[in-house]
Amino acid sequence: QLCKSKGVQHSGKVPILRVYHGTQSHSKAIDICDTGFSALQKIDDGYYGGGVYFTTSPTYARKYGQYIVVAYIIASNPFPIIADDAPYPLVRTNMRFMQSACKPPHDCHFVPVVCKRPGSLDYFPPAVGKAHEFEELVVFQEAHVLPVCIVHAPVIAGGPTTQPKAQAPGGPVVNWTREDVAQWARTLPLP
């Protein structure tokens, strides 16, 4: 109603994706939910652009930290990053979009990735015709991100965790089994 009263036209067909962002620090996860992602751009090399990094996979987000921020993003016009834009092995001068702004007229970068060195976080776009393991999305406008909750998925030496926790910002903490985390995230309603 407000939009109509101000003469703003909108189709209501904005693509919204559920995404995940892993961090090692509980306080960082809380800060993200309280104040947003803007400070993270200053601490990441940004191989695929100077934005905030997300993935569509909670498993991949977990590789970056035991605290996973579940969020929704607007991704209406993603620009695909391919192997030629980010060749492996890493040579900074060959990284076409390292710390760059978003490629106009797009609103985010989309990067299919595969692990190039087992046991590492060396994830780069696969060669042409090869399969990818995960997807990364680089969002450049903080207004396109809505953090929803934090999932705590610690790893216990000698076996899987039995008590991951999900915490909605300002809401209750719920104890979950490890297997429940991914299934729960898929059932969140879109805003």
N, C-alpha and C. Protein backbone atom coordinates (compact mmCIF):
# COMPACT_ATOMS: atom_id res chain seq x y z
N GLN A 1 0.82 -1.19 0.00
CA GLN A 1 0.00 0.00 0.00
C GLN A 1 0.87 1.26 0.00
N LEU A 2 1.93 1.25 0.83
CA LEU A 2 2.81 2.41 0.90
C LEU A 2 3.42 2.70 -0.47
N CYS A 3 3.90 1.64 -1.15
CA CYS A 3 4.48 1.83 -2.47
C CYS A 3 3.48 2.45 -3.44
N LYS A 4 2.25 1.94 -3.43
CA LYS A 4 1.23 2.48 -4.33
C LYS A 4 0.92 3.93 -4.00
N SER A 5 0.87 4.26 -2.70
CA SER A 5 0.55 5.63 -2.31
C SER A 5 1.64 6.61 -2.73
N LYS A 6 2.88 6.11 -2.89
CA LYS A 6 4.00 6.95 -3.31
C LYS A 6 4.25 6.88 -4.81
N GLY A 7 3.41 6.12 -5.52
CA GLY A 7 3.54 6.02 -6.96
C GLY A 7 4.64 5.08 -7.41
N VAL A 8 5.09 4.16 -6.55
CA VAL A 8 6.16 3.23 -6.90
C VAL A 8 5.55 1.96 -7.48
N GLN A 9 6.02 1.57 -8.65
CA GLN A 9 5.56 0.35 -9.31
C GLN A 9 6.52 -0.79 -8.97
N HIS A 10 6.01 -1.98 -8.70
CA HIS A 10 6.85 -3.13 -8.41
C HIS A 10 6.12 -4.39 -8.84
N SER A 11 6.84 -5.29 -9.51
CA SER A 11 6.22 -6.51 -10.02
C SER A 11 6.03 -7.56 -8.94
N GLY A 12 6.78 -7.45 -7.84
CA GLY A 12 6.70 -8.46 -6.79
C GLY A 12 7.43 -9.74 -7.14
N LYS A 13 8.24 -9.73 -8.20
CA LYS A 13 8.94 -10.93 -8.65
C LYS A 13 10.45 -10.80 -8.48
N VAL A 14 10.88 -10.38 -7.30
CA VAL A 14 12.30 -10.26 -7.02
C VAL A 14 12.81 -11.63 -6.57
N PRO A 15 13.84 -12.17 -7.23
CA PRO A 15 14.36 -13.47 -6.81
C PRO A 15 15.07 -13.37 -5.46
N ILE A 16 14.62 -14.16 -4.51
CA ILE A 16 15.21 -14.18 -3.17
C ILE A 16 15.76 -15.58 -2.93
N LEU A 17 17.02 -15.66 -2.49
CA LEU A 17 17.66 -16.94 -2.24
C LEU A 17 18.02 -17.09 -0.77
N ARG A 18 17.88 -18.29 -0.25
CA ARG A 18 18.38 -18.60 1.09
C ARG A 18 19.84 -18.98 0.94
N VAL A 19 20.71 -18.34 1.72
CA VAL A 19 22.14 -18.55 1.62
C VAL A 19 22.75 -18.67 3.01
N TYR A 20 24.04 -19.02 3.04
CA TYR A 20 24.74 -19.28 4.29
C TYR A 20 26.10 -18.61 4.26
N HIS A 21 26.53 -18.15 5.44
CA HIS A 21 27.85 -17.52 5.58
C HIS A 21 28.49 -18.08 6.85
N GLY A 22 29.64 -18.76 6.69
CA GLY A 22 30.31 -19.36 7.84
C GLY A 22 31.35 -18.43 8.44
N THR A 23 31.44 -18.44 9.78
CA THR A 23 32.45 -17.68 10.50
C THR A 23 32.90 -18.47 11.72
N GLN A 24 34.14 -18.27 12.15
CA GLN A 24 34.67 -18.97 13.32
C GLN A 24 34.22 -18.34 14.63
N SER A 25 33.78 -17.11 14.60
CA SER A 25 33.54 -16.36 15.81
C SER A 25 32.04 -16.17 16.10
N HIS A 26 31.62 -16.56 17.30
CA HIS A 26 30.24 -16.33 17.71
C HIS A 26 29.94 -14.84 17.77
N SER A 27 30.88 -14.05 18.28
CA SER A 27 30.64 -12.60 18.37
C SER A 27 30.51 -11.97 16.98
N LYS A 28 31.27 -12.47 15.99
CA LYS A 28 31.11 -11.96 14.62
C LYS A 28 29.73 -12.30 14.07
N ALA A 29 29.29 -13.52 14.34
CA ALA A 29 27.96 -13.92 13.87
C ALA A 29 26.88 -13.04 14.48
N ILE A 30 27.01 -12.76 15.77
CA ILE A 30 26.05 -11.88 16.45
C ILE A 30 26.12 -10.47 15.85
N ASP A 31 27.35 -9.96 15.65
CA ASP A 31 27.52 -8.63 15.06
C ASP A 31 26.89 -8.54 13.68
N ILE A 32 27.05 -9.61 12.88
CA ILE A 32 26.45 -9.63 11.54
C ILE A 32 24.94 -9.49 11.65
N CYS A 33 24.33 -10.23 12.56
CA CYS A 33 22.88 -10.15 12.71
C CYS A 33 22.44 -8.80 13.28
N ASP A 34 23.27 -8.21 14.13
CA ASP A 34 22.92 -6.92 14.74
C ASP A 34 23.17 -5.73 13.82
N THR A 35 24.32 -5.75 13.10
CA THR A 35 24.73 -4.55 12.36
C THR A 35 24.97 -4.78 10.88
N GLY A 36 24.93 -6.01 10.42
CA GLY A 36 25.11 -6.27 9.00
C GLY A 36 26.51 -6.77 8.65
N PHE A 37 26.72 -6.98 7.37
CA PHE A 37 27.94 -7.59 6.86
C PHE A 37 29.01 -6.60 6.41
N SER A 38 28.77 -5.31 6.46
CA SER A 38 29.66 -4.34 5.82
C SER A 38 31.11 -4.44 6.26
N ALA A 39 31.41 -4.71 7.51
CA ALA A 39 32.79 -4.74 7.98
C ALA A 39 33.57 -5.91 7.40
N LEU A 40 32.90 -6.98 6.96
CA LEU A 40 33.61 -8.15 6.44
C LEU A 40 34.36 -7.86 5.15
N GLN A 41 33.92 -6.89 4.38
CA GLN A 41 34.60 -6.57 3.13
C GLN A 41 36.03 -6.12 3.36
N LYS A 42 36.34 -5.66 4.55
CA LYS A 42 37.67 -5.15 4.84
C LYS A 42 38.64 -6.25 5.26
N ILE A 43 38.15 -7.48 5.53
CA ILE A 43 39.04 -8.53 6.01
C ILE A 43 39.17 -9.71 5.04
N ASP A 44 38.56 -9.65 3.90
CA ASP A 44 38.58 -10.75 2.93
C ASP A 44 39.30 -10.28 1.67
N ASP A 45 40.14 -11.15 1.10
CA ASP A 45 40.84 -10.79 -0.14
C ASP A 45 39.89 -10.58 -1.30
N GLY A 46 38.73 -11.20 -1.25
CA GLY A 46 37.74 -10.97 -2.28
C GLY A 46 38.17 -11.42 -3.66
N TYR A 47 38.50 -12.71 -3.81
CA TYR A 47 38.94 -13.21 -5.11
C TYR A 47 37.93 -12.94 -6.22
N TYR A 48 36.66 -12.95 -5.89
CA TYR A 48 35.61 -12.82 -6.91
C TYR A 48 34.84 -11.51 -6.81
N GLY A 49 35.44 -10.53 -6.12
CA GLY A 49 34.84 -9.22 -5.98
C GLY A 49 34.88 -8.75 -4.53
N GLY A 50 34.81 -7.45 -4.35
CA GLY A 50 34.90 -6.84 -3.02
C GLY A 50 33.55 -6.75 -2.35
N GLY A 51 32.88 -7.86 -2.19
CA GLY A 51 31.57 -7.89 -1.56
C GLY A 51 31.54 -8.87 -0.41
N VAL A 52 30.35 -9.28 -0.04
CA VAL A 52 30.15 -10.24 1.04
C VAL A 52 29.85 -11.60 0.40
N TYR A 53 30.50 -12.64 0.92
CA TYR A 53 30.44 -13.97 0.32
C TYR A 53 29.44 -14.87 1.02
N PHE A 54 28.64 -15.55 0.19
CA PHE A 54 27.64 -16.50 0.67
C PHE A 54 27.75 -17.76 -0.17
N THR A 55 27.09 -18.81 0.31
CA THR A 55 26.97 -20.04 -0.45
C THR A 55 25.53 -20.55 -0.32
N THR A 56 25.15 -21.37 -1.27
CA THR A 56 23.83 -22.00 -1.20
C THR A 56 23.87 -23.28 -0.38
N SER A 57 25.06 -23.66 0.11
CA SER A 57 25.24 -24.92 0.83
C SER A 57 25.67 -24.71 2.28
N PRO A 58 24.88 -25.19 3.24
CA PRO A 58 25.32 -25.09 4.64
C PRO A 58 26.59 -25.92 4.88
N THR A 59 26.77 -27.01 4.14
CA THR A 59 27.98 -27.83 4.27
C THR A 59 29.22 -27.03 3.89
N TYR A 60 29.13 -26.29 2.81
CA TYR A 60 30.26 -25.46 2.37
C TYR A 60 30.50 -24.31 3.36
N ALA A 61 29.44 -23.68 3.83
CA ALA A 61 29.59 -22.59 4.81
C ALA A 61 30.30 -23.10 6.06
N ARG A 62 30.00 -24.33 6.46
CA ARG A 62 30.60 -24.91 7.67
C ARG A 62 32.11 -25.04 7.53
N LYS A 63 32.63 -25.17 6.32
CA LYS A 63 34.08 -25.24 6.11
C LYS A 63 34.77 -23.95 6.55
N TYR A 64 34.04 -22.84 6.57
CA TYR A 64 34.61 -21.54 6.92
C TYR A 64 34.41 -21.18 8.39
N GLY A 65 33.62 -21.96 9.11
CA GLY A 65 33.45 -21.68 10.52
C GLY A 65 32.29 -22.43 11.11
N GLN A 66 32.33 -22.60 12.43
CA GLN A 66 31.29 -23.36 13.12
C GLN A 66 30.01 -22.57 13.36
N TYR A 67 30.06 -21.26 13.12
CA TYR A 67 28.86 -20.43 13.24
C TYR A 67 28.40 -20.06 11.84
N ILE A 68 27.19 -20.47 11.50
CA ILE A 68 26.66 -20.25 10.16
C ILE A 68 25.51 -19.26 10.25
N VAL A 69 25.68 -18.13 9.58
CA VAL A 69 24.61 -17.13 9.50
C VAL A 69 23.74 -17.52 8.31
N VAL A 70 22.47 -17.78 8.58
CA VAL A 70 21.50 -18.07 7.53
C VAL A 70 20.89 -16.72 7.14
N ALA A 71 20.85 -16.47 5.83
CA ALA A 71 20.35 -15.17 5.37
C ALA A 71 19.56 -15.36 4.08
N TYR A 72 18.85 -14.31 3.71
CA TYR A 72 18.20 -14.24 2.41
C TYR A 72 18.85 -13.10 1.64
N ILE A 73 19.07 -13.31 0.34
CA ILE A 73 19.64 -12.25 -0.49
C ILE A 73 18.77 -12.05 -1.72
N ILE A 74 18.88 -10.86 -2.27
CA ILE A 74 18.28 -10.56 -3.56
C ILE A 74 19.36 -10.81 -4.61
N ALA A 75 19.05 -11.64 -5.57
CA ALA A 75 20.00 -11.96 -6.64
C ALA A 75 19.25 -11.95 -7.96
N SER A 76 18.92 -10.76 -8.43
CA SER A 76 18.08 -10.66 -9.62
C SER A 76 18.85 -10.72 -10.93
N ASN A 77 20.14 -10.40 -10.90
CA ASN A 77 20.91 -10.37 -12.15
C ASN A 77 22.37 -10.74 -11.87
N PRO A 78 22.64 -12.02 -11.54
CA PRO A 78 24.02 -12.41 -11.20
C PRO A 78 24.93 -12.48 -12.42
N PHE A 79 26.18 -12.09 -12.21
CA PHE A 79 27.21 -12.20 -13.24
C PHE A 79 28.02 -13.47 -12.97
N PRO A 80 28.13 -14.40 -13.93
CA PRO A 80 28.87 -15.65 -13.69
C PRO A 80 30.38 -15.45 -13.79
N ILE A 81 31.08 -15.92 -12.77
CA ILE A 81 32.55 -15.93 -12.78
C ILE A 81 32.97 -17.33 -13.24
N ILE A 82 33.87 -17.40 -14.21
CA ILE A 82 34.30 -18.69 -14.76
C ILE A 82 35.80 -18.88 -14.52
N ALA A 83 36.31 -20.06 -14.88
CA ALA A 83 37.71 -20.41 -14.63
C ALA A 83 38.68 -19.39 -15.24
N ASP A 84 38.37 -18.84 -16.40
CA ASP A 84 39.26 -17.85 -17.02
C ASP A 84 39.37 -16.58 -16.18
N ASP A 85 38.35 -16.29 -15.36
CA ASP A 85 38.36 -15.09 -14.51
C ASP A 85 39.18 -15.30 -13.24
N ALA A 86 39.37 -16.56 -12.85
CA ALA A 86 40.05 -16.87 -11.59
C ALA A 86 40.83 -18.17 -11.75
N PRO A 87 41.94 -18.13 -12.51
CA PRO A 87 42.67 -19.37 -12.76
C PRO A 87 43.38 -19.90 -11.52
N TYR A 88 43.53 -21.22 -11.48
CA TYR A 88 44.25 -21.88 -10.40
C TYR A 88 45.51 -22.49 -11.00
N PRO A 89 46.67 -22.43 -10.33
CA PRO A 89 46.89 -21.92 -8.97
C PRO A 89 46.77 -20.40 -8.91
N LEU A 90 46.50 -19.95 -7.69
CA LEU A 90 46.26 -18.53 -7.45
C LEU A 90 47.47 -17.68 -7.80
N VAL A 91 47.27 -16.75 -8.71
CA VAL A 91 48.24 -15.69 -9.00
C VAL A 91 47.41 -14.42 -8.97
N ARG A 92 47.64 -13.60 -7.95
CA ARG A 92 46.77 -12.43 -7.72
C ARG A 92 46.59 -11.57 -8.97
N THR A 93 47.62 -11.43 -9.76
CA THR A 93 47.50 -10.57 -10.95
C THR A 93 46.58 -11.17 -12.01
N ASN A 94 46.31 -12.48 -11.91
CA ASN A 94 45.41 -13.14 -12.87
C ASN A 94 43.96 -13.18 -12.41
N MET A 95 43.70 -12.71 -11.21
CA MET A 95 42.34 -12.75 -10.66
C MET A 95 41.58 -11.52 -11.19
N ARG A 96 40.79 -11.72 -12.20
CA ARG A 96 40.14 -10.63 -12.92
C ARG A 96 39.24 -9.76 -12.04
N PHE A 97 38.59 -10.36 -11.03
CA PHE A 97 37.62 -9.60 -10.24
C PHE A 97 38.06 -9.39 -8.78
N MET A 98 39.32 -9.66 -8.45
CA MET A 98 39.79 -9.54 -7.08
C MET A 98 39.55 -8.12 -6.56
N GLN A 99 38.80 -8.04 -5.46
CA GLN A 99 38.46 -6.77 -4.79
C GLN A 99 37.77 -5.77 -5.73
N SER A 100 37.18 -6.25 -6.80
CA SER A 100 36.52 -5.34 -7.75
C SER A 100 35.10 -5.03 -7.29
N ALA A 101 34.54 -4.03 -7.92
CA ALA A 101 33.12 -3.73 -7.74
C ALA A 101 32.32 -4.74 -8.56
N CYS A 102 31.03 -4.73 -8.37
CA CYS A 102 30.16 -5.62 -9.13
C CYS A 102 30.20 -5.26 -10.61
N LYS A 103 30.21 -6.26 -11.45
CA LYS A 103 30.23 -6.06 -12.90
C LYS A 103 28.89 -5.47 -13.34
N PRO A 104 28.88 -4.24 -13.88
CA PRO A 104 27.62 -3.63 -14.31
C PRO A 104 27.03 -4.40 -15.49
N PRO A 105 25.75 -4.50 -15.63
CA PRO A 105 24.66 -3.97 -14.82
C PRO A 105 24.17 -4.98 -13.78
N HIS A 106 25.00 -5.92 -13.37
CA HIS A 106 24.60 -7.02 -12.49
C HIS A 106 24.52 -6.55 -11.03
N ASP A 107 23.86 -7.38 -10.18
CA ASP A 107 23.74 -7.01 -8.77
C ASP A 107 24.51 -7.94 -7.84
N CYS A 108 25.11 -9.00 -8.40
CA CYS A 108 25.95 -9.90 -7.60
C CYS A 108 26.79 -10.74 -8.57
N HIS A 109 27.78 -11.43 -8.02
CA HIS A 109 28.57 -12.37 -8.81
C HIS A 109 28.21 -13.79 -8.37
N PHE A 110 28.11 -14.70 -9.32
CA PHE A 110 27.82 -16.11 -9.06
C PHE A 110 29.04 -16.92 -9.47
N VAL A 111 29.54 -17.77 -8.54
CA VAL A 111 30.77 -18.51 -8.80
C VAL A 111 30.57 -19.99 -8.46
N PRO A 112 30.47 -20.86 -9.47
CA PRO A 112 30.50 -22.29 -9.17
C PRO A 112 31.94 -22.65 -8.82
N VAL A 113 32.15 -23.46 -7.76
CA VAL A 113 33.52 -23.76 -7.33
C VAL A 113 33.71 -25.25 -7.08
N VAL A 114 34.97 -25.65 -7.15
CA VAL A 114 35.41 -27.01 -6.86
C VAL A 114 36.71 -26.91 -6.08
N CYS A 115 36.95 -27.86 -5.18
CA CYS A 115 38.18 -27.85 -4.39
C CYS A 115 39.35 -28.24 -5.29
N LYS A 116 40.37 -27.41 -5.33
CA LYS A 116 41.53 -27.67 -6.17
C LYS A 116 42.66 -28.37 -5.42
N ARG A 117 42.61 -28.34 -4.07
CA ARG A 117 43.63 -29.00 -3.25
C ARG A 117 42.94 -29.63 -2.06
N PRO A 118 42.76 -30.96 -2.07
CA PRO A 118 42.01 -31.63 -0.99
C PRO A 118 42.52 -31.24 0.40
N GLY A 119 41.56 -31.04 1.30
CA GLY A 119 41.89 -30.68 2.67
C GLY A 119 42.12 -29.19 2.87
N SER A 120 41.99 -28.39 1.82
CA SER A 120 42.21 -26.95 1.90
C SER A 120 40.92 -26.20 1.59
N LEU A 121 41.00 -24.90 1.66
CA LEU A 121 39.88 -24.05 1.23
C LEU A 121 40.18 -23.43 -0.13
N ASP A 122 40.97 -24.12 -0.94
CA ASP A 122 41.29 -23.66 -2.29
C ASP A 122 40.15 -24.05 -3.23
N TYR A 123 39.10 -23.25 -3.21
CA TYR A 123 37.94 -23.48 -4.07
C TYR A 123 37.95 -22.43 -5.18
N PHE A 124 37.95 -22.92 -6.41
CA PHE A 124 38.00 -22.06 -7.58
C PHE A 124 37.01 -22.58 -8.61
N PRO A 125 36.68 -21.75 -9.62
CA PRO A 125 35.79 -22.25 -10.68
C PRO A 125 36.41 -23.44 -11.39
N PRO A 126 35.61 -24.44 -11.73
CA PRO A 126 36.14 -25.61 -12.44
C PRO A 126 36.43 -25.28 -13.90
N ALA A 127 37.24 -26.12 -14.50
CA ALA A 127 37.52 -25.97 -15.93
C ALA A 127 36.22 -26.17 -16.71
N VAL A 128 36.19 -25.63 -17.91
CA VAL A 128 35.01 -25.75 -18.77
C VAL A 128 34.66 -27.23 -18.95
N GLY A 129 33.39 -27.56 -18.77
CA GLY A 129 32.92 -28.92 -18.94
C GLY A 129 33.06 -29.80 -17.70
N LYS A 130 33.67 -29.28 -16.64
CA LYS A 130 33.84 -30.04 -15.40
C LYS A 130 32.75 -29.65 -14.40
N ALA A 131 32.39 -30.58 -13.54
CA ALA A 131 31.34 -30.33 -12.54
C ALA A 131 31.88 -29.46 -11.41
N HIS A 132 30.96 -28.77 -10.73
CA HIS A 132 31.34 -27.98 -9.56
C HIS A 132 30.75 -28.65 -8.31
N GLU A 133 31.33 -28.32 -7.15
CA GLU A 133 30.86 -28.88 -5.88
C GLU A 133 29.87 -27.95 -5.18
N PHE A 134 30.18 -26.67 -5.19
CA PHE A 134 29.40 -25.69 -4.45
C PHE A 134 29.24 -24.42 -5.28
N GLU A 135 28.39 -23.52 -4.78
CA GLU A 135 28.25 -22.21 -5.41
C GLU A 135 28.57 -21.13 -4.39
N GLU A 136 29.22 -20.07 -4.85
CA GLU A 136 29.43 -18.88 -4.04
C GLU A 136 28.68 -17.74 -4.70
N LEU A 137 28.15 -16.86 -3.88
CA LEU A 137 27.53 -15.63 -4.38
C LEU A 137 28.18 -14.47 -3.66
N VAL A 138 28.57 -13.47 -4.42
CA VAL A 138 29.18 -12.27 -3.86
C VAL A 138 28.15 -11.15 -4.00
N VAL A 139 27.73 -10.62 -2.86
CA VAL A 139 26.71 -9.57 -2.83
C VAL A 139 27.41 -8.26 -2.50
N PHE A 140 27.08 -7.21 -3.24
CA PHE A 140 27.79 -5.94 -3.12
C PHE A 140 27.00 -4.86 -2.39
N GLN A 141 25.71 -5.05 -2.24
CA GLN A 141 24.88 -4.06 -1.54
C GLN A 141 24.32 -4.70 -0.27
N GLU A 142 24.70 -4.14 0.86
CA GLU A 142 24.25 -4.70 2.13
C GLU A 142 22.73 -4.70 2.24
N ALA A 143 22.06 -3.78 1.56
CA ALA A 143 20.60 -3.72 1.60
C ALA A 143 19.97 -4.93 0.91
N HIS A 144 20.76 -5.72 0.17
CA HIS A 144 20.26 -6.91 -0.50
C HIS A 144 20.37 -8.16 0.37
N VAL A 145 20.73 -7.98 1.65
CA VAL A 145 20.96 -9.11 2.56
C VAL A 145 20.09 -8.97 3.81
N LEU A 146 19.42 -10.06 4.17
CA LEU A 146 18.65 -10.10 5.41
C LEU A 146 19.10 -11.31 6.23
N PRO A 147 19.94 -11.09 7.28
CA PRO A 147 20.30 -12.20 8.16
C PRO A 147 19.07 -12.69 8.91
N VAL A 148 18.91 -14.02 9.04
CA VAL A 148 17.74 -14.60 9.67
C VAL A 148 18.07 -15.23 11.02
N CYS A 149 19.14 -16.01 11.06
CA CYS A 149 19.50 -16.68 12.31
C CYS A 149 20.93 -17.16 12.23
N ILE A 150 21.40 -17.68 13.37
CA ILE A 150 22.74 -18.26 13.46
C ILE A 150 22.57 -19.73 13.81
N VAL A 151 23.29 -20.58 13.08
CA VAL A 151 23.34 -22.00 13.40
C VAL A 151 24.73 -22.30 13.93
N HIS A 152 24.82 -22.91 15.10
CA HIS A 152 26.11 -23.30 15.66
C HIS A 152 26.29 -24.79 15.42
N ALA A 153 27.31 -25.15 14.65
CA ALA A 153 27.56 -26.55 14.30
C ALA A 153 29.01 -26.90 14.61
N PRO A 154 29.34 -27.10 15.90
CA PRO A 154 30.73 -27.40 16.26
C PRO A 154 31.13 -28.80 15.83
N VAL A 155 32.42 -29.00 15.66
CA VAL A 155 32.96 -30.32 15.38
C VAL A 155 33.59 -30.82 16.68
N ILE A 156 33.23 -32.01 17.08
CA ILE A 156 33.80 -32.60 18.29
C ILE A 156 34.81 -33.64 17.85
N ALA A 157 36.02 -33.57 18.41
CA ALA A 157 37.07 -34.51 18.05
C ALA A 157 36.58 -35.94 18.21
N GLY A 158 36.84 -36.77 17.21
CA GLY A 158 36.48 -38.16 17.29
C GLY A 158 35.08 -38.49 16.80
N GLY A 159 34.33 -37.52 16.33
CA GLY A 159 33.00 -37.86 15.84
C GLY A 159 32.16 -36.63 15.57
N PRO A 160 30.97 -36.84 15.02
CA PRO A 160 30.10 -35.71 14.71
C PRO A 160 29.53 -35.08 15.98
N THR A 161 29.15 -33.84 15.86
CA THR A 161 28.54 -33.15 16.98
C THR A 161 27.14 -33.68 17.24
N THR A 162 26.69 -33.57 18.46
CA THR A 162 25.33 -34.01 18.77
C THR A 162 24.44 -32.84 19.16
N GLN A 163 25.01 -31.65 19.29
CA GLN A 163 24.21 -30.53 19.78
C GLN A 163 24.41 -29.23 19.00
N PRO A 164 24.25 -29.19 17.66
CA PRO A 164 24.24 -27.89 17.01
C PRO A 164 23.08 -27.08 17.55
N LYS A 165 23.22 -25.77 17.51
CA LYS A 165 22.16 -24.90 18.02
C LYS A 165 21.80 -23.89 16.95
N ALA A 166 20.52 -23.56 16.88
CA ALA A 166 20.07 -22.49 15.99
C ALA A 166 19.55 -21.37 16.86
N GLN A 167 19.92 -20.15 16.51
CA GLN A 167 19.48 -19.00 17.30
C GLN A 167 18.99 -17.92 16.36
N ALA A 168 17.73 -17.59 16.48
CA ALA A 168 17.20 -16.47 15.74
C ALA A 168 17.67 -15.20 16.43
N PRO A 169 18.04 -14.16 15.68
CA PRO A 169 18.47 -12.92 16.34
C PRO A 169 17.41 -12.46 17.33
N GLY A 170 17.81 -12.35 18.60
CA GLY A 170 16.89 -11.92 19.64
C GLY A 170 15.89 -12.98 20.06
N GLY A 171 16.03 -14.21 19.53
CA GLY A 171 15.04 -15.25 19.81
C GLY A 171 15.61 -16.40 20.60
N PRO A 172 14.85 -17.47 20.73
CA PRO A 172 15.27 -18.60 21.55
C PRO A 172 16.35 -19.43 20.87
N VAL A 173 17.10 -20.17 21.68
CA VAL A 173 18.10 -21.11 21.18
C VAL A 173 17.46 -22.49 21.18
N VAL A 174 17.63 -23.24 20.10
CA VAL A 174 17.04 -24.56 19.97
C VAL A 174 18.17 -25.57 19.76
N ASN A 175 18.18 -26.68 20.51
CA ASN A 175 19.18 -27.73 20.31
C ASN A 175 18.74 -28.65 19.19
N TRP A 176 19.68 -29.01 18.32
CA TRP A 176 19.37 -29.83 17.15
C TRP A 176 20.42 -30.91 16.99
N THR A 177 20.09 -31.93 16.24
CA THR A 177 21.09 -32.89 15.82
C THR A 177 21.75 -32.33 14.57
N ARG A 178 22.94 -32.77 14.28
CA ARG A 178 23.68 -32.29 13.11
C ARG A 178 22.87 -32.48 11.84
N GLU A 179 22.20 -33.61 11.72
CA GLU A 179 21.44 -33.91 10.50
C GLU A 179 20.25 -32.96 10.32
N ASP A 180 19.75 -32.43 11.43
CA ASP A 180 18.58 -31.55 11.37
C ASP A 180 18.90 -30.18 10.77
N VAL A 181 20.15 -29.75 10.87
CA VAL A 181 20.51 -28.37 10.50
C VAL A 181 20.19 -28.08 9.04
N ALA A 182 20.70 -28.91 8.12
CA ALA A 182 20.46 -28.65 6.70
C ALA A 182 18.98 -28.76 6.35
N GLN A 183 18.30 -29.77 6.90
CA GLN A 183 16.87 -29.93 6.62
C GLN A 183 16.07 -28.74 7.14
N TRP A 184 16.40 -28.27 8.33
CA TRP A 184 15.71 -27.12 8.91
C TRP A 184 15.89 -25.87 8.04
N ALA A 185 17.11 -25.64 7.59
CA ALA A 185 17.38 -24.44 6.80
C ALA A 185 16.55 -24.44 5.52
N ARG A 186 16.34 -25.62 4.94
CA ARG A 186 15.55 -25.70 3.69
C ARG A 186 14.07 -25.42 3.94
N THR A 187 13.61 -25.54 5.19
CA THR A 187 12.19 -25.34 5.45
C THR A 187 11.84 -23.92 5.87
N LEU A 188 12.86 -23.05 6.00
CA LEU A 188 12.56 -21.66 6.38
C LEU A 188 11.68 -21.01 5.32
N PRO A 189 10.65 -20.31 5.72
CA PRO A 189 9.80 -19.64 4.74
C PRO A 189 10.53 -18.45 4.13
N LEU A 190 10.28 -18.22 2.87
CA LEU A 190 10.83 -17.02 2.24
C LEU A 190 10.10 -15.80 2.78
N PRO A 191 10.84 -14.68 2.96
CA PRO A 191 10.19 -13.47 3.49
C PRO A 191 9.16 -12.91 2.53
